[in-house]
């Protein structure tokens, strides 16, 4: 016996509706005269496709804009960040959030809740994709390390960029050193670790690993969990 299909929540239905409208809009932008666009719009509105025969592309665009506006208004009224965080993974949110309007509970959402209710991996991903929240200053030590990670990641695209970062990293270590011997030590490490592409890549990834480790330690101090419960 086939399993009974689970009824979708109102939130899920709204997200699916928005996705359908945006998909039609994408097809419309590529080809405003496409039969596929007209069929998809007819299915969305539950009307015969023939009803759109006399509607020009401008009219179709107006209809789609109205649908998206209305759906976004319903999303703002019925979906919250808290619901999304409880029901969607960080990877899913990375795809969803750019398309969503700002939700009504933004001012109620806190890093405190995220840090204490999500795994560390998801927390770090959520730092990237959520709008900035009101209690960021409370976790200044966490975000000090997070900002270092973001900066380092911005140099990861190729080995030339990685070399620039590694050299800068060790130049700062040299500048912060208290003695001439320590300054020579850091300068020597910089030269040795940037001798060729392979050593540069290893040095860069080693630095990244160290920053990630320090970020995880700060998150643990703030009450984060290793695994999502």
C-alpha atoms as a PDB file:
ATOM      1  CA  UNK A   1       0.000   0.000   0.000  1.00  0.00           C
ATOM      2  CA  UNK A   2       1.400   3.374  -0.999  1.00  0.00           C
ATOM      3  CA  UNK A   3       2.278   5.822   1.754  1.00  0.00           C
ATOM      4  CA  UNK A   4      -0.103   8.735   2.142  1.00  0.00           C
ATOM      5  CA  UNK A   5       1.514  11.911   0.823  1.00  0.00           C
ATOM      6  CA  UNK A   6       2.292  14.344   3.620  1.00  0.00           C
ATOM      7  CA  UNK A   7       0.435  17.629   3.386  1.00  0.00           C
ATOM      8  CA  UNK A   8       2.805  20.527   2.826  1.00  0.00           C
ATOM      9  CA  UNK A   9       2.826  23.328   5.372  1.00  0.00           C
ATOM     10  CA  UNK A  10       1.675  26.791   4.338  1.00  0.00           C
ATOM     11  CA  UNK A  11       5.308  27.927   4.480  1.00  0.00           C
ATOM     12  CA  UNK A  12       6.481  25.172   2.130  1.00  0.00           C
ATOM     13  CA  UNK A  13       3.634  25.910  -0.294  1.00  0.00           C
ATOM     14  CA  UNK A  14       4.605  29.578  -0.400  1.00  0.00           C
ATOM     15  CA  UNK A  15       8.264  28.760  -1.032  1.00  0.00           C
ATOM     16  CA  UNK A  16       7.288  26.386  -3.841  1.00  0.00           C
ATOM     17  CA  UNK A  17       4.956  28.996  -5.324  1.00  0.00           C
ATOM     18  CA  UNK A  18       7.672  31.633  -5.288  1.00  0.00           C
ATOM     19  CA  UNK A  19      10.130  29.219  -6.876  1.00  0.00           C
ATOM     20  CA  UNK A  20       7.592  28.401  -9.621  1.00  0.00           C
ATOM     21  CA  UNK A  21       6.990  32.088 -10.371  1.00  0.00           C
ATOM     22  CA  UNK A  22      10.689  32.873 -10.470  1.00  0.00           C
ATOM     23  CA  UNK A  23      11.253  29.902 -12.799  1.00  0.00           C
ATOM     24  CA  UNK A  24       8.570  31.231 -15.169  1.00  0.00           C
ATOM     25  CA  UNK A  25      10.114  34.710 -14.964  1.00  0.00           C
ATOM     26  CA  UNK A  26      13.513  33.267 -15.852  1.00  0.00           C
ATOM     27  CA  UNK A  27      12.049  31.576 -18.913  1.00  0.00           C
ATOM     28  CA  UNK A  28      10.206  34.778 -19.800  1.00  0.00           C
ATOM     29  CA  UNK A  29      13.423  36.809 -19.604  1.00  0.00           C
ATOM     30  CA  UNK A  30      15.133  34.345 -21.951  1.00  0.00           C
ATOM     31  CA  UNK A  31      12.259  34.236 -24.455  1.00  0.00           C
ATOM     32  CA  UNK A  32       9.097  36.318 -23.837  1.00  0.00           C
ATOM     33  CA  UNK A  33       7.325  34.522 -26.699  1.00  0.00           C
ATOM     34  CA  UNK A  34       8.021  30.976 -25.478  1.00  0.00           C
ATOM     35  CA  UNK A  35       5.011  28.637 -25.468  1.00  0.00           C
ATOM     36  CA  UNK A  36       6.492  27.032 -22.362  1.00  0.00           C
ATOM     37  CA  UNK A  37       6.151  30.315 -20.447  1.00  0.00           C
ATOM     38  CA  UNK A  38       2.482  30.636 -21.439  1.00  0.00           C
ATOM     39  CA  UNK A  39       1.746  27.026 -20.464  1.00  0.00           C
ATOM     40  CA  UNK A  40       3.506  27.425 -17.105  1.00  0.00           C
ATOM     41  CA  UNK A  41       1.593  30.637 -16.351  1.00  0.00           C
ATOM     42  CA  UNK A  42      -1.703  28.960 -17.297  1.00  0.00           C
ATOM     43  CA  UNK A  43      -0.894  26.086 -14.929  1.00  0.00           C
ATOM     44  CA  UNK A  44       0.020  28.545 -12.164  1.00  0.00           C
ATOM     45  CA  UNK A  45      -3.268  30.398 -12.527  1.00  0.00           C
ATOM     46  CA  UNK A  46      -5.363  27.307 -13.252  1.00  0.00           C
ATOM     47  CA  UNK A  47      -6.606  28.662 -16.577  1.00  0.00           C
ATOM     48  CA  UNK A  48      -6.671  27.360 -20.158  1.00  0.00           C
ATOM     49  CA  UNK A  49      -3.544  28.439 -22.032  1.00  0.00           C
ATOM     50  CA  UNK A  50      -5.772  29.876 -24.768  1.00  0.00           C
ATOM     51  CA  UNK A  51      -6.772  32.698 -22.430  1.00  0.00           C
ATOM     52  CA  UNK A  52      -3.314  34.242 -22.934  1.00  0.00           C
ATOM     53  CA  UNK A  53      -3.384  34.143 -26.754  1.00  0.00           C
ATOM     54  CA  UNK A  54      -4.147  37.845 -26.984  1.00  0.00           C
ATOM     55  CA  UNK A  55      -1.848  38.908 -24.144  1.00  0.00           C
ATOM     56  CA  UNK A  56       1.386  40.521 -25.352  1.00  0.00           C
ATOM     57  CA  UNK A  57       4.749  39.985 -23.586  1.00  0.00           C
ATOM     58  CA  UNK A  58       4.360  43.232 -21.643  1.00  0.00           C
ATOM     59  CA  UNK A  59       1.068  41.986 -20.233  1.00  0.00           C
ATOM     60  CA  UNK A  60       2.597  38.631 -19.312  1.00  0.00           C
ATOM     61  CA  UNK A  61       5.420  40.478 -17.520  1.00  0.00           C
ATOM     62  CA  UNK A  62       2.882  42.539 -15.550  1.00  0.00           C
ATOM     63  CA  UNK A  63       0.996  39.391 -14.522  1.00  0.00           C
ATOM     64  CA  UNK A  64       4.193  37.686 -13.368  1.00  0.00           C
ATOM     65  CA  UNK A  65       5.329  40.757 -11.409  1.00  0.00           C
ATOM     66  CA  UNK A  66       1.942  40.886  -9.673  1.00  0.00           C
ATOM     67  CA  UNK A  67       2.145  37.195  -8.741  1.00  0.00           C
ATOM     68  CA  UNK A  68       5.668  37.593  -7.350  1.00  0.00           C
ATOM     69  CA  UNK A  69       4.733  40.722  -5.386  1.00  0.00           C
ATOM     70  CA  UNK A  70       1.665  39.040  -3.874  1.00  0.00           C
ATOM     71  CA  UNK A  71       3.588  35.877  -3.012  1.00  0.00           C
ATOM     72  CA  UNK A  72       6.382  37.887  -1.400  1.00  0.00           C
ATOM     73  CA  UNK A  73       3.836  39.751   0.709  1.00  0.00           C
ATOM     74  CA  UNK A  74       2.403  36.418   1.869  1.00  0.00           C
ATOM     75  CA  UNK A  75       5.919  35.164   2.608  1.00  0.00           C
ATOM     76  CA  UNK A  76       6.635  38.231   4.744  1.00  0.00           C
ATOM     77  CA  UNK A  77       3.410  37.598   6.647  1.00  0.00           C
ATOM     78  CA  UNK A  78       3.681  33.837   7.094  1.00  0.00           C
ATOM     79  CA  UNK A  79       7.362  32.804   7.088  1.00  0.00           C
ATOM     80  CA  UNK A  80       9.921  33.738   9.716  1.00  0.00           C
ATOM     81  CA  UNK A  81      13.685  33.340   9.933  1.00  0.00           C
ATOM     82  CA  UNK A  82      13.124  31.136  12.986  1.00  0.00           C
ATOM     83  CA  UNK A  83      10.941  28.776  10.932  1.00  0.00           C
ATOM     84  CA  UNK A  84      13.538  28.673   8.163  1.00  0.00           C
ATOM     85  CA  UNK A  85      16.358  27.965  10.614  1.00  0.00           C
ATOM     86  CA  UNK A  86      14.396  25.140  12.230  1.00  0.00           C
ATOM     87  CA  UNK A  87      13.290  23.539   8.966  1.00  0.00           C
ATOM     88  CA  UNK A  88      16.043  24.210   6.424  1.00  0.00           C
ATOM     89  CA  UNK A  89      19.743  23.418   6.338  1.00  0.00           C
ATOM     90  CA  UNK A  90      22.292  26.196   5.915  1.00  0.00           C
ATOM     91  CA  UNK A  91      22.994  24.932   2.382  1.00  0.00           C
ATOM     92  CA  UNK A  92      19.285  25.175   1.519  1.00  0.00           C
ATOM     93  CA  UNK A  93      19.102  28.645   3.058  1.00  0.00           C
ATOM     94  CA  UNK A  94      22.034  29.809   0.930  1.00  0.00           C
ATOM     95  CA  UNK A  95      19.824  29.179  -2.105  1.00  0.00           C
ATOM     96  CA  UNK A  96      16.563  30.422  -0.569  1.00  0.00           C
ATOM     97  CA  UNK A  97      17.483  33.634   1.224  1.00  0.00           C
ATOM     98  CA  UNK A  98      18.702  35.706  -1.744  1.00  0.00           C
ATOM     99  CA  UNK A  99      15.241  35.319  -3.303  1.00  0.00           C
ATOM    100  CA  UNK A 100      13.250  36.107  -0.155  1.00  0.00           C
ATOM    101  CA  UNK A 101      12.095  39.518   1.056  1.00  0.00           C
ATOM    102  CA  UNK A 102      13.252  40.614   4.506  1.00  0.00           C
ATOM    103  CA  UNK A 103      11.128  38.716   7.011  1.00  0.00           C
ATOM    104  CA  UNK A 104       9.194  40.183   9.909  1.00  0.00           C
ATOM    105  CA  UNK A 105      11.207  38.620  12.736  1.00  0.00           C
ATOM    106  CA  UNK A 106      14.643  39.911  11.661  1.00  0.00           C
ATOM    107  CA  UNK A 107      14.846  42.105  14.769  1.00  0.00           C
ATOM    108  CA  UNK A 108      13.991  39.128  17.006  1.00  0.00           C
ATOM    109  CA  UNK A 109      16.587  36.787  15.524  1.00  0.00           C
ATOM    110  CA  UNK A 110      19.932  36.689  17.344  1.00  0.00           C
ATOM    111  CA  UNK A 111      23.359  35.164  16.942  1.00  0.00           C
ATOM    112  CA  UNK A 112      22.899  33.920  20.496  1.00  0.00           C
ATOM    113  CA  UNK A 113      20.053  31.642  19.371  1.00  0.00           C
ATOM    114  CA  UNK A 114      21.939  30.472  16.276  1.00  0.00           C
ATOM    115  CA  UNK A 115      25.184  29.706  18.130  1.00  0.00           C
ATOM    116  CA  UNK A 116      23.373  27.739  20.830  1.00  0.00           C
ATOM    117  CA  UNK A 117      20.937  25.866  18.585  1.00  0.00           C
ATOM    118  CA  UNK A 118      22.874  25.030  15.413  1.00  0.00           C
ATOM    119  CA  UNK A 119      26.011  23.014  14.793  1.00  0.00           C
ATOM    120  CA  UNK A 120      29.256  24.960  14.437  1.00  0.00           C
ATOM    121  CA  UNK A 121      29.489  24.188  10.716  1.00  0.00           C
ATOM    122  CA  UNK A 122      25.969  25.493  10.117  1.00  0.00           C
ATOM    123  CA  UNK A 123      26.558  28.509  12.356  1.00  0.00           C
ATOM    124  CA  UNK A 124      29.577  29.568  10.283  1.00  0.00           C
ATOM    125  CA  UNK A 125      27.588  29.138   7.061  1.00  0.00           C
ATOM    126  CA  UNK A 126      24.702  31.154   8.532  1.00  0.00           C
ATOM    127  CA  UNK A 127      27.071  34.012   9.373  1.00  0.00           C
ATOM    128  CA  UNK A 128      27.681  34.249   5.625  1.00  0.00           C
ATOM    129  CA  UNK A 129      24.094  34.208   4.412  1.00  0.00           C
ATOM    130  CA  UNK A 130      21.960  35.930   7.053  1.00  0.00           C
ATOM    131  CA  UNK A 131      21.620  39.709   7.296  1.00  0.00           C
ATOM    132  CA  UNK A 132      23.686  41.191  10.136  1.00  0.00           C
ATOM    133  CA  UNK A 133      21.866  40.706  13.447  1.00  0.00           C
ATOM    134  CA  UNK A 134      21.543  43.022  16.410  1.00  0.00           C
ATOM    135  CA  UNK A 135      23.814  41.192  18.885  1.00  0.00           C
ATOM    136  CA  UNK A 136      26.965  40.968  16.739  1.00  0.00           C
ATOM    137  CA  UNK A 137      28.900  43.147  19.220  1.00  0.00           C
ATOM    138  CA  UNK A 138      28.151  40.624  21.983  1.00  0.00           C
ATOM    139  CA  UNK A 139      30.207  38.066  20.066  1.00  0.00           C
ATOM    140  CA  UNK A 140      33.079  40.319  19.031  1.00  0.00           C
ATOM    141  CA  UNK A 141      35.714  37.605  19.694  1.00  0.00           C
ATOM    142  CA  UNK A 142      33.821  35.161  17.474  1.00  0.00           C
ATOM    143  CA  UNK A 143      33.454  37.672  14.655  1.00  0.00           C
ATOM    144  CA  UNK A 144      37.067  38.781  14.948  1.00  0.00           C
ATOM    145  CA  UNK A 145      38.053  35.241  13.940  1.00  0.00           C
ATOM    146  CA  UNK A 146      35.229  34.960  11.417  1.00  0.00           C
ATOM    147  CA  UNK A 147      36.340  38.173   9.682  1.00  0.00           C
ATOM    148  CA  UNK A 148      39.877  36.762   9.469  1.00  0.00           C
ATOM    149  CA  UNK A 149      38.470  33.638   7.805  1.00  0.00           C
ATOM    150  CA  UNK A 150      36.471  35.695   5.301  1.00  0.00           C
ATOM    151  CA  UNK A 151      39.542  37.781   4.473  1.00  0.00           C
ATOM    152  CA  UNK A 152      41.729  34.703   3.970  1.00  0.00           C
ATOM    153  CA  UNK A 153      39.060  33.002   1.823  1.00  0.00           C
ATOM    154  CA  UNK A 154      38.999  36.014  -0.489  1.00  0.00           C
ATOM    155  CA  UNK A 155      42.605  35.144  -1.498  1.00  0.00           C
ATOM    156  CA  UNK A 156      41.899  31.475  -2.234  1.00  0.00           C
ATOM    157  CA  UNK A 157      41.038  31.714  -5.942  1.00  0.00           C
ATOM    158  CA  UNK A 158      44.554  31.078  -7.287  1.00  0.00           C
ATOM    159  CA  UNK A 159      48.096  30.462  -6.089  1.00  0.00           C
ATOM    160  CA  UNK A 160      49.187  34.012  -6.934  1.00  0.00           C
ATOM    161  CA  UNK A 161      46.565  35.419  -4.581  1.00  0.00           C
ATOM    162  CA  UNK A 162      47.478  32.846  -1.957  1.00  0.00           C
ATOM    163  CA  UNK A 163      51.128  33.911  -2.121  1.00  0.00           C
ATOM    164  CA  UNK A 164      50.142  37.545  -1.544  1.00  0.00           C
ATOM    165  CA  UNK A 165      48.166  36.499   1.538  1.00  0.00           C
ATOM    166  CA  UNK A 166      50.887  34.216   2.944  1.00  0.00           C
ATOM    167  CA  UNK A 167      53.551  36.905   2.496  1.00  0.00           C
ATOM    168  CA  UNK A 168      51.312  39.469   4.174  1.00  0.00           C
ATOM    169  CA  UNK A 169      50.553  37.070   7.016  1.00  0.00           C
ATOM    170  CA  UNK A 170      54.231  36.465   7.776  1.00  0.00           C
ATOM    171  CA  UNK A 171      55.151  40.115   7.278  1.00  0.00           C
ATOM    172  CA  UNK A 172      52.686  40.960  10.051  1.00  0.00           C
ATOM    173  CA  UNK A 173      54.193  38.244  12.260  1.00  0.00           C
ATOM    174  CA  UNK A 174      57.634  39.764  11.604  1.00  0.00           C
ATOM    175  CA  UNK A 175      56.421  43.300  12.365  1.00  0.00           C
ATOM    176  CA  UNK A 176      54.825  42.141  15.634  1.00  0.00           C
ATOM    177  CA  UNK A 177      57.955  40.274  16.753  1.00  0.00           C
ATOM    178  CA  UNK A 178      59.770  41.816  19.716  1.00  0.00           C
ATOM    179  CA  UNK A 179      63.347  40.814  18.914  1.00  0.00           C
ATOM    180  CA  UNK A 180      65.597  40.947  15.849  1.00  0.00           C
ATOM    181  CA  UNK A 181      66.051  37.179  16.054  1.00  0.00           C
ATOM    182  CA  UNK A 182      62.295  36.591  15.944  1.00  0.00           C
ATOM    183  CA  UNK A 183      61.946  39.015  13.039  1.00  0.00           C
ATOM    184  CA  UNK A 184      64.572  37.047  11.103  1.00  0.00           C
ATOM    185  CA  UNK A 185      62.774  33.808  11.976  1.00  0.00           C
ATOM    186  CA  UNK A 186      59.421  34.998  10.594  1.00  0.00           C
ATOM    187  CA  UNK A 187      61.070  36.451   7.503  1.00  0.00           C
ATOM    188  CA  UNK A 188      62.868  33.148   6.890  1.00  0.00           C
ATOM    189  CA  UNK A 189      59.612  31.235   7.207  1.00  0.00           C
ATOM    190  CA  UNK A 190      57.969  33.552   4.705  1.00  0.00           C
ATOM    191  CA  UNK A 191      60.725  32.950   2.150  1.00  0.00           C
ATOM    192  CA  UNK A 192      60.756  29.194   2.711  1.00  0.00           C
ATOM    193  CA  UNK A 193      56.971  28.824   2.494  1.00  0.00           C
ATOM    194  CA  UNK A 194      56.628  30.830  -0.711  1.00  0.00           C
ATOM    195  CA  UNK A 195      59.521  29.249  -2.645  1.00  0.00           C
ATOM    196  CA  UNK A 196      57.165  27.501  -5.089  1.00  0.00           C
ATOM    197  CA  UNK A 197      53.484  26.970  -5.795  1.00  0.00           C
ATOM    198  CA  UNK A 198      53.171  23.765  -3.775  1.00  0.00           C
ATOM    199  CA  UNK A 199      54.734  25.212  -0.635  1.00  0.00           C
ATOM    200  CA  UNK A 200      52.586  28.335  -1.001  1.00  0.00           C
ATOM    201  CA  UNK A 201      49.385  26.274  -1.262  1.00  0.00           C
ATOM    202  CA  UNK A 202      50.330  24.214   1.775  1.00  0.00           C
ATOM    203  CA  UNK A 203      51.168  27.335   3.780  1.00  0.00           C
ATOM    204  CA  UNK A 204      47.916  29.049   2.785  1.00  0.00           C
ATOM    205  CA  UNK A 205      45.754  26.073   3.679  1.00  0.00           C
ATOM    206  CA  UNK A 206      47.640  25.652   6.942  1.00  0.00           C
ATOM    207  CA  UNK A 207      46.892  29.253   7.883  1.00  0.00           C
ATOM    208  CA  UNK A 208      43.224  28.782   6.896  1.00  0.00           C
ATOM    209  CA  UNK A 209      43.017  25.656   9.047  1.00  0.00           C
ATOM    210  CA  UNK A 210      44.476  27.562  11.986  1.00  0.00           C
ATOM    211  CA  UNK A 211      41.950  30.389  11.625  1.00  0.00           C
ATOM    212  CA  UNK A 212      39.073  27.896  11.391  1.00  0.00           C
ATOM    213  CA  UNK A 213      40.324  26.150  14.528  1.00  0.00           C
ATOM    214  CA  UNK A 214      40.490  29.440  16.451  1.00  0.00           C
ATOM    215  CA  UNK A 215      36.982  30.326  15.251  1.00  0.00           C
ATOM    216  CA  UNK A 216      35.677  26.973  16.475  1.00  0.00           C
ATOM    217  CA  UNK A 217      37.319  27.558  19.864  1.00  0.00           C
ATOM    218  CA  UNK A 218      35.636  30.958  20.172  1.00  0.00           C
ATOM    219  CA  UNK A 219      32.306  29.425  19.198  1.00  0.00           C
ATOM    220  CA  UNK A 220      32.718  26.752  21.873  1.00  0.00           C
ATOM    221  CA  UNK A 221      33.390  29.447  24.467  1.00  0.00           C
ATOM    222  CA  UNK A 222      30.180  31.147  23.308  1.00  0.00           C
ATOM    223  CA  UNK A 223      28.166  27.957  23.870  1.00  0.00           C
ATOM    224  CA  UNK A 224      28.153  26.358  20.392  1.00  0.00           C
ATOM    225  CA  UNK A 225      27.712  22.621  19.943  1.00  0.00           C
ATOM    226  CA  UNK A 226      29.852  20.282  17.881  1.00  0.00           C
ATOM    227  CA  UNK A 227      26.790  18.535  16.449  1.00  0.00           C
ATOM    228  CA  UNK A 228      23.255  19.710  15.798  1.00  0.00           C
ATOM    229  CA  UNK A 229      20.861  18.057  18.209  1.00  0.00           C
END
